[in-house]
Each structure stands twice: as structure tokens, then as C-alpha cells.
């Protein structure tokens, strides 16, 4: 989850290029670089030294910045928050585009550390990182594991179709059975988490009043978009990667498209949209109308997905069941 403090200008940047075992650190305005271990105590010592330097030289607002690297950045984020320092977890693609804009094509850890520092210095209104609530973090971790197990089941099932050797068949069948048991256990843990958390339980119940949204879809949206219900409809669609992006130039009017956003939400809503287009009278009528105008299936299902995220945001914002449920029942 992120917050966006208004108009903060950061003049003192401490940037970390993260790898599994080491951190290459570049500081501005000193323009200095060093390498430390990727361990909390090493990060703590370095940030403490930079706080002291900031105080002695009156450098102004200080920002710690690193890229998202699949979890190896956690020590940087945790220590910065613990020490009360503003921190930003940068999107790797945006940093790379910033590098291309500056004509920087080479890639090494020292080059990347300096690039991240410059990105932090030059980006206006940079969004600060704050950790998700514990229940949301747990829900996200459980969903991620559920997805991994599902992918393994699909892979092993595909292998089973072509296996002929008796021992291979036996191994695959045993592994698939084990994975299915693990999947059931993870899903039970997710259900238990929602049951024990009153806030999650109420939100999931409200979201399921929207025909097409099941418990898994609701929990995925809550895991990866914890601010839902506090957003405008445009923000909700944009964060889910479902806001149409213009592609116009002069007299040309290009086809709108969607990109970026949170992939897990789009996957969950894709499945929900398929159900809604068959069983939700309002969204079925909407999709039929688009199909009648000749729009391709991909366009139609994306439009339904966008409708779903906007409806879910409104349901949680108002704290009331979906109004369309009464119309659908009639």
C-alpha cells in the first residue's frame, strides 16, 4: 500500500541496487558509492551514518530508494521504516525508461545504483512506501502460494498426458494428489483468515453480492488492492490496469488499450468477467450490446472487467450490497 505526501522535495538520496547478498549504495548530493552486505545490521549502520551526515550538513529531506527485486529489498524497506526515514520502492521498468531518457544503455550494479539515485532526485511527488496491513500481507502471501501450487498442478497434469512408463505415471499421479491436498490446505487457510478477520469477512461478503464475483476473486482484489473502496472509479480502474489509454496523434484516432496495473487482479477479474457475462443480467446485457456493435471478445471482456472493478469499489465505498442484485433477482 502506498501514500502520496503533497509536494515533498527530496534533496538527500540514498539509493540501493539490490541483489541477494549485497547492496550497492549510491548517495546524492555527495555522489559517493559503496557496497555493503544485504543484512539488516549493515543497512542500519549505513542509514544511521547518512542521517548523521544530513544533520551535520543540513541537506534537507532524505529519501531511501530501491527497486522491487522479488523480496530481496525487504531489509532496506524494513530498516528505513523502523528508523523513520522516507522510503520509495521503485518500479524497475520506470527506472529503466528514465535511464533510456538520459541516454544510459549500459547496465552494471554501480551504474544502476547511480541511476536509481538520480531517479529518486528527479521524480516529482514520488509515492512513498508503507507496508500493507498484516491481514492483507497474509492474504497476499497465501494467494501467491495458491497460484504457485495451481501452476505446478497444471504442469504435472500436462506431463501426465504424455507419460507412458509405469514408474513415471505413478510418480506424476502421486505428486498431483499431493499438490491437490496442499491446494486444499492453502484454500482452507485463506478461508480461516477471512473468517477470523471481521473487516475482511464483511468486505468479501459485500463483494460477493456482485454476480460473477466469487470468494477467490474477492480475496485477490482485497489482497492486491487494499485501498479499494477509498478510490475514485478512475483510480480503481487504473490501479487494476483496466483504464483505457488513448493512442491519438493529429487526425489519427488509435484503438484504446490497457496496460500496467496489478496482474493478479486482472487474472482474477478475467475469470469473474467470464462468469458475469453469462449469469449477471446487467453485465450480460452490457456485453451483448458491445458484441452487437461488432467489438471483438477481448475488448468486450476487458470492458466487463473494468465495470466489475468500478462496481466493487462502489460497493465497498458505500458499505452496501450491490444495488443491481435486486434488479437481477427480479
C-alpha atoms as a PDB file:
ATOM      1  CA  UNK A   1       0.000   0.000   0.000  1.00  0.00           C
ATOM      2  CA  UNK A   2       1.314   3.496  -0.793  1.00  0.00           C
ATOM      3  CA  UNK A   3       0.703   7.056   0.327  1.00  0.00           C
ATOM      4  CA  UNK A   4       1.450  10.263  -1.510  1.00  0.00           C
ATOM      5  CA  UNK A   5       2.507  13.209   0.698  1.00  0.00           C
ATOM      6  CA  UNK A   6       1.974  16.524  -1.100  1.00  0.00           C
ATOM      7  CA  UNK A   7       4.913  18.315  -2.711  1.00  0.00           C
ATOM      8  CA  UNK A   8       7.821  16.857  -0.733  1.00  0.00           C
ATOM      9  CA  UNK A   9      11.178  17.666  -2.339  1.00  0.00           C
ATOM     10  CA  UNK A  10      13.975  15.244  -1.503  1.00  0.00           C
ATOM     11  CA  UNK A  11      17.499  16.633  -1.715  1.00  0.00           C
ATOM     12  CA  UNK A  12      19.377  13.826   0.047  1.00  0.00           C
ATOM     13  CA  UNK A  13      19.071  10.470  -1.738  1.00  0.00           C
ATOM     14  CA  UNK A  14      20.322   7.101  -0.521  1.00  0.00           C
ATOM     15  CA  UNK A  15      19.815   4.588  -3.343  1.00  0.00           C
ATOM     16  CA  UNK A  16      20.254   0.816  -3.099  1.00  0.00           C
ATOM     17  CA  UNK A  17      20.884  -1.518  -6.032  1.00  0.00           C
ATOM     18  CA  UNK A  18      19.705  -4.778  -4.525  1.00  0.00           C
ATOM     19  CA  UNK A  19      20.966  -8.308  -5.045  1.00  0.00           C
ATOM     20  CA  UNK A  20      20.582 -11.432  -2.938  1.00  0.00           C
ATOM     21  CA  UNK A  21      23.783 -10.996  -0.888  1.00  0.00           C
ATOM     22  CA  UNK A  22      24.995  -7.424  -1.423  1.00  0.00           C
ATOM     23  CA  UNK A  23      23.735  -3.871  -1.814  1.00  0.00           C
ATOM     24  CA  UNK A  24      25.461  -1.266  -3.954  1.00  0.00           C
ATOM     25  CA  UNK A  25      24.663   2.102  -2.347  1.00  0.00           C
ATOM     26  CA  UNK A  26      24.858   5.461  -4.123  1.00  0.00           C
ATOM     27  CA  UNK A  27      24.248   8.735  -2.287  1.00  0.00           C
ATOM     28  CA  UNK A  28      23.421  12.197  -3.606  1.00  0.00           C
ATOM     29  CA  UNK A  29      24.417  15.013  -3.478  1.00  0.00           C
ATOM     30  CA  UNK A  30      27.730  13.512  -2.268  1.00  0.00           C
ATOM     31  CA  UNK A  31      27.832  11.327  -5.420  1.00  0.00           C
ATOM     32  CA  UNK A  32      29.534   8.573  -3.428  1.00  0.00           C
ATOM     33  CA  UNK A  33      29.203   4.818  -3.712  1.00  0.00           C
ATOM     34  CA  UNK A  34      29.935   1.759  -1.587  1.00  0.00           C
ATOM     35  CA  UNK A  35      28.935  -1.897  -1.315  1.00  0.00           C
ATOM     36  CA  UNK A  36      27.542  -3.489   1.847  1.00  0.00           C
ATOM     37  CA  UNK A  37      26.025  -6.832   2.853  1.00  0.00           C
ATOM     38  CA  UNK A  38      22.306  -7.262   2.312  1.00  0.00           C
ATOM     39  CA  UNK A  39      21.688  -7.665   6.030  1.00  0.00           C
ATOM     40  CA  UNK A  40      19.599  -5.519   8.414  1.00  0.00           C
ATOM     41  CA  UNK A  41      22.544  -4.531  10.623  1.00  0.00           C
ATOM     42  CA  UNK A  42      24.587  -3.325   7.631  1.00  0.00           C
ATOM     43  CA  UNK A  43      21.649  -1.324   6.253  1.00  0.00           C
ATOM     44  CA  UNK A  44      21.001   0.152   9.701  1.00  0.00           C
ATOM     45  CA  UNK A  45      24.619   1.309  10.075  1.00  0.00           C
ATOM     46  CA  UNK A  46      24.634   2.961   6.681  1.00  0.00           C
ATOM     47  CA  UNK A  47      21.308   4.774   7.103  1.00  0.00           C
ATOM     48  CA  UNK A  48      22.389   5.919  10.570  1.00  0.00           C
ATOM     49  CA  UNK A  49      25.564   7.400   9.052  1.00  0.00           C
ATOM     50  CA  UNK A  50      23.530   9.178   6.362  1.00  0.00           C
ATOM     51  CA  UNK A  51      21.153  10.608   8.964  1.00  0.00           C
ATOM     52  CA  UNK A  52      24.183  11.999  10.808  1.00  0.00           C
ATOM     53  CA  UNK A  53      25.599  13.449   7.569  1.00  0.00           C
ATOM     54  CA  UNK A  54      22.217  15.002   6.770  1.00  0.00           C
ATOM     55  CA  UNK A  55      22.049  16.630  10.196  1.00  0.00           C
ATOM     56  CA  UNK A  56      25.623  17.964  10.060  1.00  0.00           C
ATOM     57  CA  UNK A  57      25.384  19.363   6.526  1.00  0.00           C
ATOM     58  CA  UNK A  58      21.709  20.397   6.626  1.00  0.00           C
ATOM     59  CA  UNK A  59      20.941  18.530   3.389  1.00  0.00           C
ATOM     60  CA  UNK A  60      17.155  18.730   3.692  1.00  0.00           C
ATOM     61  CA  UNK A  61      14.621  15.931   3.186  1.00  0.00           C
ATOM     62  CA  UNK A  62      16.183  12.464   2.922  1.00  0.00           C
ATOM     63  CA  UNK A  63      14.849   9.607   0.781  1.00  0.00           C
ATOM     64  CA  UNK A  64      15.869   5.957   0.775  1.00  0.00           C
ATOM     65  CA  UNK A  65      15.070   4.304  -2.554  1.00  0.00           C
ATOM     66  CA  UNK A  66      15.451   0.830  -4.029  1.00  0.00           C
ATOM     67  CA  UNK A  67      13.889  -1.251  -6.783  1.00  0.00           C
ATOM     68  CA  UNK A  68      11.459  -4.081  -6.202  1.00  0.00           C
ATOM     69  CA  UNK A  69      13.507  -7.288  -6.555  1.00  0.00           C
ATOM     70  CA  UNK A  70      11.232 -10.136  -5.566  1.00  0.00           C
ATOM     71  CA  UNK A  71      11.650  -9.693  -1.823  1.00  0.00           C
ATOM     72  CA  UNK A  72      15.412  -9.158  -1.516  1.00  0.00           C
ATOM     73  CA  UNK A  73      14.721  -5.457  -0.905  1.00  0.00           C
ATOM     74  CA  UNK A  74      12.840  -6.180   2.328  1.00  0.00           C
ATOM     75  CA  UNK A  75      15.778  -5.334   4.650  1.00  0.00           C
ATOM     76  CA  UNK A  76      16.111  -1.880   3.070  1.00  0.00           C
ATOM     77  CA  UNK A  77      12.385  -1.182   3.355  1.00  0.00           C
ATOM     78  CA  UNK A  78      12.007  -2.539   6.891  1.00  0.00           C
ATOM     79  CA  UNK A  79      15.037  -0.736   8.329  1.00  0.00           C
ATOM     80  CA  UNK A  80      14.145   2.591   6.681  1.00  0.00           C
ATOM     81  CA  UNK A  81      10.614   2.424   8.112  1.00  0.00           C
ATOM     82  CA  UNK A  82      11.957   1.368  11.513  1.00  0.00           C
ATOM     83  CA  UNK A  83      14.285   4.416  11.547  1.00  0.00           C
ATOM     84  CA  UNK A  84      11.560   6.821  10.411  1.00  0.00           C
ATOM     85  CA  UNK A  85      13.126   7.616   7.025  1.00  0.00           C
ATOM     86  CA  UNK A  86      11.003   8.180   3.905  1.00  0.00           C
ATOM     87  CA  UNK A  87      11.391   5.252   1.516  1.00  0.00           C
ATOM     88  CA  UNK A  88      10.271   4.505  -2.032  1.00  0.00           C
ATOM     89  CA  UNK A  89      10.169   1.100  -3.737  1.00  0.00           C
ATOM     90  CA  UNK A  90      10.710   1.925  -7.389  1.00  0.00           C
ATOM     91  CA  UNK A  91       9.212   0.093 -10.349  1.00  0.00           C
ATOM     92  CA  UNK A  92      12.105  -1.364 -12.362  1.00  0.00           C
ATOM     93  CA  UNK A  93      10.555  -0.549 -15.751  1.00  0.00           C
ATOM     94  CA  UNK A  94      10.113   3.115 -14.834  1.00  0.00           C
ATOM     95  CA  UNK A  95      13.712   3.377 -13.677  1.00  0.00           C
ATOM     96  CA  UNK A  96      14.889   1.732 -16.911  1.00  0.00           C
ATOM     97  CA  UNK A  97      12.799   4.139 -19.012  1.00  0.00           C
ATOM     98  CA  UNK A  98      14.305   7.008 -17.030  1.00  0.00           C
ATOM     99  CA  UNK A  99      17.744   5.643 -17.902  1.00  0.00           C
ATOM    100  CA  UNK A 100      16.869   5.438 -21.597  1.00  0.00           C
ATOM    101  CA  UNK A 101      15.604   9.021 -21.487  1.00  0.00           C
ATOM    102  CA  UNK A 102      19.024  10.047 -20.148  1.00  0.00           C
ATOM    103  CA  UNK A 103      20.766   8.057 -22.884  1.00  0.00           C
ATOM    104  CA  UNK A 104      22.088   5.428 -20.467  1.00  0.00           C
ATOM    105  CA  UNK A 105      22.022   1.975 -22.055  1.00  0.00           C
ATOM    106  CA  UNK A 106      24.781   0.150 -20.174  1.00  0.00           C
ATOM    107  CA  UNK A 107      23.791  -1.909 -17.142  1.00  0.00           C
ATOM    108  CA  UNK A 108      26.001  -2.762 -14.168  1.00  0.00           C
ATOM    109  CA  UNK A 109      25.284  -2.645 -10.448  1.00  0.00           C
ATOM    110  CA  UNK A 110      27.262   0.613  -9.904  1.00  0.00           C
ATOM    111  CA  UNK A 111      25.586   2.234 -12.926  1.00  0.00           C
ATOM    112  CA  UNK A 112      22.157   1.088 -11.773  1.00  0.00           C
ATOM    113  CA  UNK A 113      22.723   2.368  -8.206  1.00  0.00           C
ATOM    114  CA  UNK A 114      23.564   5.845  -9.506  1.00  0.00           C
ATOM    115  CA  UNK A 115      20.601   5.730 -11.915  1.00  0.00           C
ATOM    116  CA  UNK A 116      18.206   4.844  -9.086  1.00  0.00           C
ATOM    117  CA  UNK A 117      19.589   7.747  -7.034  1.00  0.00           C
ATOM    118  CA  UNK A 118      19.058  10.171  -9.914  1.00  0.00           C
ATOM    119  CA  UNK A 119      15.545   8.798 -10.451  1.00  0.00           C
ATOM    120  CA  UNK A 120      14.753   9.493  -6.796  1.00  0.00           C
ATOM    121  CA  UNK A 121      16.199  13.016  -7.040  1.00  0.00           C
ATOM    122  CA  UNK A 122      14.381  13.995 -10.254  1.00  0.00           C
ATOM    123  CA  UNK A 123      10.954  12.376  -9.785  1.00  0.00           C
ATOM    124  CA  UNK A 124       8.332  14.813  -8.504  1.00  0.00           C
ATOM    125  CA  UNK A 125       5.707  13.783  -5.938  1.00  0.00           C
ATOM    126  CA  UNK A 126       7.302  10.375  -5.547  1.00  0.00           C
ATOM    127  CA  UNK A 127       4.959   7.875  -3.886  1.00  0.00           C
ATOM    128  CA  UNK A 128       6.251   6.674  -0.528  1.00  0.00           C
ATOM    129  CA  UNK A 129       6.139   3.050   0.522  1.00  0.00           C
ATOM    130  CA  UNK A 130       4.189   1.868   3.527  1.00  0.00           C
ATOM    131  CA  UNK A 131       3.690  -1.817   4.340  1.00  0.00           C
ATOM    132  CA  UNK A 132       0.277  -3.418   3.836  1.00  0.00           C
ATOM    133  CA  UNK A 133      -1.753  -4.251   6.964  1.00  0.00           C
ATOM    134  CA  UNK A 134      -0.853  -7.676   8.439  1.00  0.00           C
ATOM    135  CA  UNK A 135      -4.127  -9.294   7.297  1.00  0.00           C
ATOM    136  CA  UNK A 136      -3.617  -8.020   3.765  1.00  0.00           C
ATOM    137  CA  UNK A 137       0.000  -9.200   3.728  1.00  0.00           C
ATOM    138  CA  UNK A 138      -1.064 -12.652   4.928  1.00  0.00           C
ATOM    139  CA  UNK A 139      -3.839 -12.835   2.326  1.00  0.00           C
ATOM    140  CA  UNK A 140      -1.391 -11.849  -0.419  1.00  0.00           C
ATOM    141  CA  UNK A 141       1.178 -14.451   0.675  1.00  0.00           C
ATOM    142  CA  UNK A 142      -1.435 -17.220   0.803  1.00  0.00           C
ATOM    143  CA  UNK A 143      -2.823 -16.286  -2.605  1.00  0.00           C
ATOM    144  CA  UNK A 144       0.667 -16.235  -4.111  1.00  0.00           C
ATOM    145  CA  UNK A 145       1.294 -19.743  -2.781  1.00  0.00           C
ATOM    146  CA  UNK A 146      -2.104 -20.911  -4.071  1.00  0.00           C
ATOM    147  CA  UNK A 147      -1.163 -19.644  -7.543  1.00  0.00           C
ATOM    148  CA  UNK A 148       2.207 -21.448  -7.416  1.00  0.00           C
ATOM    149  CA  UNK A 149       0.557 -24.740  -6.474  1.00  0.00           C
ATOM    150  CA  UNK A 150      -2.054 -24.360  -9.221  1.00  0.00           C
ATOM    151  CA  UNK A 151       0.704 -23.790 -11.787  1.00  0.00           C
ATOM    152  CA  UNK A 152       2.524 -26.926 -10.601  1.00  0.00           C
ATOM    153  CA  UNK A 153      -0.688 -28.971 -10.895  1.00  0.00           C
ATOM    154  CA  UNK A 154      -1.219 -27.723 -14.454  1.00  0.00           C
ATOM    155  CA  UNK A 155       2.390 -28.551 -15.371  1.00  0.00           C
ATOM    156  CA  UNK A 156       2.278 -32.045 -13.853  1.00  0.00           C
ATOM    157  CA  UNK A 157      -1.117 -32.761 -15.445  1.00  0.00           C
ATOM    158  CA  UNK A 158       0.305 -31.810 -18.849  1.00  0.00           C
ATOM    159  CA  UNK A 159       3.209 -34.225 -18.301  1.00  0.00           C
ATOM    160  CA  UNK A 160       0.784 -36.954 -17.268  1.00  0.00           C
ATOM    161  CA  UNK A 161      -0.942 -36.791 -20.657  1.00  0.00           C
ATOM    162  CA  UNK A 162       2.262 -37.871 -22.407  1.00  0.00           C
ATOM    163  CA  UNK A 163       3.800 -40.202 -19.812  1.00  0.00           C
ATOM    164  CA  UNK A 164       3.945 -43.913 -20.642  1.00  0.00           C
ATOM    165  CA  UNK A 165       6.439 -45.502 -18.278  1.00  0.00           C
ATOM    166  CA  UNK A 166       4.775 -47.119 -15.293  1.00  0.00           C
ATOM    167  CA  UNK A 167       7.092 -45.519 -12.704  1.00  0.00           C
ATOM    168  CA  UNK A 168       6.708 -42.078 -14.280  1.00  0.00           C
ATOM    169  CA  UNK A 169       2.920 -42.399 -14.269  1.00  0.00           C
ATOM    170  CA  UNK A 170       2.962 -43.462 -10.632  1.00  0.00           C
ATOM    171  CA  UNK A 171       5.238 -40.551  -9.664  1.00  0.00           C
ATOM    172  CA  UNK A 172       3.134 -37.976 -11.508  1.00  0.00           C
ATOM    173  CA  UNK A 173      -0.161 -39.232 -10.067  1.00  0.00           C
ATOM    174  CA  UNK A 174       1.255 -39.229  -6.542  1.00  0.00           C
ATOM    175  CA  UNK A 175       2.657 -35.716  -6.966  1.00  0.00           C
ATOM    176  CA  UNK A 176      -0.606 -34.368  -8.399  1.00  0.00           C
ATOM    177  CA  UNK A 177      -2.555 -35.867  -5.496  1.00  0.00           C
ATOM    178  CA  UNK A 178      -0.094 -34.303  -3.044  1.00  0.00           C
ATOM    179  CA  UNK A 179      -0.369 -30.921  -4.757  1.00  0.00           C
ATOM    180  CA  UNK A 180      -4.163 -31.044  -4.717  1.00  0.00           C
ATOM    181  CA  UNK A 181      -4.069 -31.764  -0.980  1.00  0.00           C
ATOM    182  CA  UNK A 182      -1.690 -28.822  -0.497  1.00  0.00           C
ATOM    183  CA  UNK A 183      -4.003 -26.594  -2.556  1.00  0.00           C
ATOM    184  CA  UNK A 184      -6.988 -27.580  -0.406  1.00  0.00           C
ATOM    185  CA  UNK A 185      -4.977 -26.780   2.733  1.00  0.00           C
ATOM    186  CA  UNK A 186      -3.978 -23.346   1.442  1.00  0.00           C
ATOM    187  CA  UNK A 187      -7.572 -22.558   0.479  1.00  0.00           C
ATOM    188  CA  UNK A 188      -8.684 -23.626   3.953  1.00  0.00           C
ATOM    189  CA  UNK A 189      -6.091 -21.267   5.454  1.00  0.00           C
ATOM    190  CA  UNK A 190      -7.415 -18.422   3.288  1.00  0.00           C
ATOM    191  CA  UNK A 191     -10.988 -19.136   4.370  1.00  0.00           C
ATOM    192  CA  UNK A 192      -9.900 -19.254   8.018  1.00  0.00           C
ATOM    193  CA  UNK A 193      -8.045 -15.935   7.715  1.00  0.00           C
ATOM    194  CA  UNK A 194     -11.143 -14.259   6.278  1.00  0.00           C
ATOM    195  CA  UNK A 195     -13.359 -15.850   8.918  1.00  0.00           C
ATOM    196  CA  UNK A 196     -11.148 -14.573  11.773  1.00  0.00           C
ATOM    197  CA  UNK A 197     -10.800 -11.020  10.413  1.00  0.00           C
ATOM    198  CA  UNK A 198     -14.083  -9.141  10.699  1.00  0.00           C
ATOM    199  CA  UNK A 199     -13.045  -6.428   8.225  1.00  0.00           C
ATOM    200  CA  UNK A 200     -12.062  -8.924   5.534  1.00  0.00           C
ATOM    201  CA  UNK A 201     -15.148 -11.034   6.204  1.00  0.00           C
ATOM    202  CA  UNK A 202     -17.522  -8.086   5.729  1.00  0.00           C
ATOM    203  CA  UNK A 203     -15.758  -6.900   2.583  1.00  0.00           C
ATOM    204  CA  UNK A 204     -15.739 -10.342   0.982  1.00  0.00           C
ATOM    205  CA  UNK A 205     -19.456 -10.753   1.763  1.00  0.00           C
ATOM    206  CA  UNK A 206     -20.298  -7.387   0.193  1.00  0.00           C
ATOM    207  CA  UNK A 207     -18.196  -8.081  -2.888  1.00  0.00           C
ATOM    208  CA  UNK A 208     -19.902 -11.440  -3.452  1.00  0.00           C
ATOM    209  CA  UNK A 209     -23.273  -9.707  -3.812  1.00  0.00           C
ATOM    210  CA  UNK A 210     -21.986  -8.750  -7.279  1.00  0.00           C
ATOM    211  CA  UNK A 211     -22.976 -11.682  -9.505  1.00  0.00           C
ATOM    212  CA  UNK A 212     -19.809 -13.123 -11.015  1.00  0.00           C
ATOM    213  CA  UNK A 213     -17.563 -12.389  -8.043  1.00  0.00           C
ATOM    214  CA  UNK A 214     -16.709 -15.459  -6.009  1.00  0.00           C
ATOM    215  CA  UNK A 215     -14.729 -15.725  -2.765  1.00  0.00           C
ATOM    216  CA  UNK A 216     -11.369 -16.187  -4.503  1.00  0.00           C
ATOM    217  CA  UNK A 217     -11.861 -13.222  -6.850  1.00  0.00           C
ATOM    218  CA  UNK A 218     -12.905 -11.042  -3.915  1.00  0.00           C
ATOM    219  CA  UNK A 219      -9.888 -12.062  -1.840  1.00  0.00           C
ATOM    220  CA  UNK A 220      -7.449 -11.451  -4.708  1.00  0.00           C
ATOM    221  CA  UNK A 221      -8.790  -7.931  -5.208  1.00  0.00           C
ATOM    222  CA  UNK A 222      -8.528  -7.215  -1.475  1.00  0.00           C
ATOM    223  CA  UNK A 223      -5.005  -8.674  -1.321  1.00  0.00           C
ATOM    224  CA  UNK A 224      -3.585  -6.610  -4.172  1.00  0.00           C
ATOM    225  CA  UNK A 225      -5.783  -3.508  -3.964  1.00  0.00           C
ATOM    226  CA  UNK A 226      -6.285  -2.904  -0.222  1.00  0.00           C
ATOM    227  CA  UNK A 227      -7.378   0.698  -0.855  1.00  0.00           C
ATOM    228  CA  UNK A 228     -10.425  -0.384  -2.856  1.00  0.00           C
ATOM    229  CA  UNK A 229     -13.490   1.424  -1.582  1.00  0.00           C
ATOM    230  CA  UNK A 230     -11.457   4.581  -0.954  1.00  0.00           C
ATOM    231  CA  UNK A 231     -10.653   5.277  -4.613  1.00  0.00           C
ATOM    232  CA  UNK A 232     -12.374   7.086  -7.448  1.00  0.00           C
ATOM    233  CA  UNK A 233     -13.621   4.820 -10.219  1.00  0.00           C
ATOM    234  CA  UNK A 234     -10.794   6.067 -12.441  1.00  0.00           C
ATOM    235  CA  UNK A 235      -8.176   5.263  -9.818  1.00  0.00           C
ATOM    236  CA  UNK A 236      -9.604   1.790  -9.253  1.00  0.00           C
ATOM    237  CA  UNK A 237      -9.553   1.001 -12.977  1.00  0.00           C
ATOM    238  CA  UNK A 238      -6.063   2.439 -13.409  1.00  0.00           C
ATOM    239  CA  UNK A 239      -4.522   0.530 -10.488  1.00  0.00           C
ATOM    240  CA  UNK A 240      -6.042  -2.688 -11.806  1.00  0.00           C
ATOM    241  CA  UNK A 241      -4.580  -1.942 -15.247  1.00  0.00           C
ATOM    242  CA  UNK A 242      -8.037  -1.610 -16.796  1.00  0.00           C
ATOM    243  CA  UNK A 243      -8.180   2.109 -17.619  1.00  0.00           C
ATOM    244  CA  UNK A 244      -8.292   2.770 -21.398  1.00  0.00           C
ATOM    245  CA  UNK A 245      -5.180   4.548 -22.667  1.00  0.00           C
ATOM    246  CA  UNK A 246      -5.502   6.915 -25.640  1.00  0.00           C
ATOM    247  CA  UNK A 247      -3.397   6.403 -28.763  1.00  0.00           C
ATOM    248  CA  UNK A 248      -4.150   9.540 -30.801  1.00  0.00           C
ATOM    249  CA  UNK A 249      -1.903  11.690 -32.964  1.00  0.00           C
ATOM    250  CA  UNK A 250      -3.141  14.511 -35.169  1.00  0.00           C
ATOM    251  CA  UNK A 251      -6.188  13.244 -37.037  1.00  0.00           C
ATOM    252  CA  UNK A 252      -5.423   9.645 -36.166  1.00  0.00           C
ATOM    253  CA  UNK A 253      -7.623   8.065 -33.516  1.00  0.00           C
ATOM    254  CA  UNK A 254      -5.935   4.834 -32.487  1.00  0.00           C
ATOM    255  CA  UNK A 255      -7.558   1.976 -30.610  1.00  0.00           C
ATOM    256  CA  UNK A 256      -7.619   2.383 -26.839  1.00  0.00           C
ATOM    257  CA  UNK A 257      -5.680  -0.211 -24.894  1.00  0.00           C
ATOM    258  CA  UNK A 258      -4.869  -1.166 -21.317  1.00  0.00           C
ATOM    259  CA  UNK A 259      -1.502  -1.894 -19.751  1.00  0.00           C
ATOM    260  CA  UNK A 260       0.445  -1.965 -16.465  1.00  0.00           C
ATOM    261  CA  UNK A 261      -1.596  -2.290 -13.277  1.00  0.00           C
ATOM    262  CA  UNK A 262      -1.675  -5.308 -10.989  1.00  0.00           C
ATOM    263  CA  UNK A 263      -1.582  -8.555 -12.928  1.00  0.00           C
ATOM    264  CA  UNK A 264      -3.097 -10.743 -10.218  1.00  0.00           C
ATOM    265  CA  UNK A 265      -6.225  -8.568 -10.139  1.00  0.00           C
ATOM    266  CA  UNK A 266      -6.656  -8.709 -13.899  1.00  0.00           C
ATOM    267  CA  UNK A 267      -6.344 -12.510 -13.886  1.00  0.00           C
ATOM    268  CA  UNK A 268      -8.973 -12.843 -11.168  1.00  0.00           C
ATOM    269  CA  UNK A 269     -11.326 -10.385 -12.862  1.00  0.00           C
ATOM    270  CA  UNK A 270     -10.909 -12.119 -16.223  1.00  0.00           C
ATOM    271  CA  UNK A 271     -12.365 -15.305 -14.758  1.00  0.00           C
ATOM    272  CA  UNK A 272     -15.069 -13.329 -12.934  1.00  0.00           C
ATOM    273  CA  UNK A 273     -15.977 -11.445 -16.109  1.00  0.00           C
ATOM    274  CA  UNK A 274     -16.468 -14.721 -17.974  1.00  0.00           C
ATOM    275  CA  UNK A 275     -18.994 -15.796 -15.335  1.00  0.00           C
ATOM    276  CA  UNK A 276     -20.674 -12.369 -15.185  1.00  0.00           C
ATOM    277  CA  UNK A 277     -21.163 -12.259 -18.950  1.00  0.00           C
ATOM    278  CA  UNK A 278     -23.282 -15.415 -18.668  1.00  0.00           C
ATOM    279  CA  UNK A 279     -25.045 -15.069 -15.312  1.00  0.00           C
ATOM    280  CA  UNK A 280     -25.187 -11.370 -14.367  1.00  0.00           C
ATOM    281  CA  UNK A 281     -28.214  -9.908 -16.227  1.00  0.00           C
ATOM    282  CA  UNK A 282     -26.888  -6.351 -16.188  1.00  0.00           C
ATOM    283  CA  UNK A 283     -23.355  -7.174 -17.330  1.00  0.00           C
ATOM    284  CA  UNK A 284     -24.672  -9.754 -19.789  1.00  0.00           C
ATOM    285  CA  UNK A 285     -26.824  -7.072 -21.401  1.00  0.00           C
ATOM    286  CA  UNK A 286     -23.824  -4.733 -21.434  1.00  0.00           C
ATOM    287  CA  UNK A 287     -21.558  -7.311 -23.091  1.00  0.00           C
ATOM    288  CA  UNK A 288     -24.275  -8.324 -25.585  1.00  0.00           C
ATOM    289  CA  UNK A 289     -24.666  -4.681 -26.572  1.00  0.00           C
ATOM    290  CA  UNK A 290     -20.936  -4.368 -27.247  1.00  0.00           C
ATOM    291  CA  UNK A 291     -20.874  -7.615 -29.202  1.00  0.00           C
ATOM    292  CA  UNK A 292     -23.837  -6.377 -31.255  1.00  0.00           C
ATOM    293  CA  UNK A 293     -21.742  -3.378 -32.275  1.00  0.00           C
ATOM    294  CA  UNK A 294     -19.070  -5.695 -33.612  1.00  0.00           C
ATOM    295  CA  UNK A 295     -16.446  -5.296 -30.892  1.00  0.00           C
ATOM    296  CA  UNK A 296     -14.066  -8.279 -30.522  1.00  0.00           C
ATOM    297  CA  UNK A 297     -14.302 -10.578 -27.496  1.00  0.00           C
ATOM    298  CA  UNK A 298     -11.075  -9.254 -25.950  1.00  0.00           C
ATOM    299  CA  UNK A 299     -12.453  -5.708 -25.982  1.00  0.00           C
ATOM    300  CA  UNK A 300     -15.787  -6.836 -24.517  1.00  0.00           C
ATOM    301  CA  UNK A 301     -14.322  -8.902 -21.675  1.00  0.00           C
ATOM    302  CA  UNK A 302     -11.936  -6.068 -20.765  1.00  0.00           C
ATOM    303  CA  UNK A 303     -14.848  -3.637 -20.626  1.00  0.00           C
ATOM    304  CA  UNK A 304     -16.733  -6.035 -18.323  1.00  0.00           C
ATOM    305  CA  UNK A 305     -13.652  -6.396 -16.113  1.00  0.00           C
ATOM    306  CA  UNK A 306     -13.474  -2.620 -15.826  1.00  0.00           C
ATOM    307  CA  UNK A 307     -17.169  -2.491 -14.920  1.00  0.00           C
ATOM    308  CA  UNK A 308     -16.587  -5.098 -12.214  1.00  0.00           C
ATOM    309  CA  UNK A 309     -13.714  -3.252 -10.510  1.00  0.00           C
ATOM    310  CA  UNK A 310     -15.713   0.014 -10.581  1.00  0.00           C
ATOM    311  CA  UNK A 311     -18.769  -1.740  -9.102  1.00  0.00           C
ATOM    312  CA  UNK A 312     -16.668  -3.416  -6.387  1.00  0.00           C
ATOM    313  CA  UNK A 313     -15.127  -0.077  -5.466  1.00  0.00           C
ATOM    314  CA  UNK A 314     -18.598   1.491  -5.187  1.00  0.00           C
ATOM    315  CA  UNK A 315     -19.976  -1.406  -3.110  1.00  0.00           C
ATOM    316  CA  UNK A 316     -17.143  -1.133  -0.576  1.00  0.00           C
ATOM    317  CA  UNK A 317     -17.246   2.664  -0.603  1.00  0.00           C
ATOM    318  CA  UNK A 318     -20.948   2.703   0.271  1.00  0.00           C
ATOM    319  CA  UNK A 319     -20.805  -0.335   2.558  1.00  0.00           C
ATOM    320  CA  UNK A 320     -23.940  -1.715   0.900  1.00  0.00           C
ATOM    321  CA  UNK A 321     -24.789  -4.767  -1.172  1.00  0.00           C
ATOM    322  CA  UNK A 322     -24.740  -4.353  -4.932  1.00  0.00           C
ATOM    323  CA  UNK A 323     -27.884  -2.495  -5.968  1.00  0.00           C
ATOM    324  CA  UNK A 324     -28.042  -4.474  -9.179  1.00  0.00           C
ATOM    325  CA  UNK A 325     -28.618  -7.656  -7.182  1.00  0.00           C
ATOM    326  CA  UNK A 326     -32.260  -6.620  -6.642  1.00  0.00           C
ATOM    327  CA  UNK A 327     -32.730  -5.966 -10.352  1.00  0.00           C
ATOM    328  CA  UNK A 328     -31.116  -9.319 -11.174  1.00  0.00           C
ATOM    329  CA  UNK A 329     -33.378 -11.117  -8.709  1.00  0.00           C
ATOM    330  CA  UNK A 330     -36.456  -9.512 -10.269  1.00  0.00           C
END
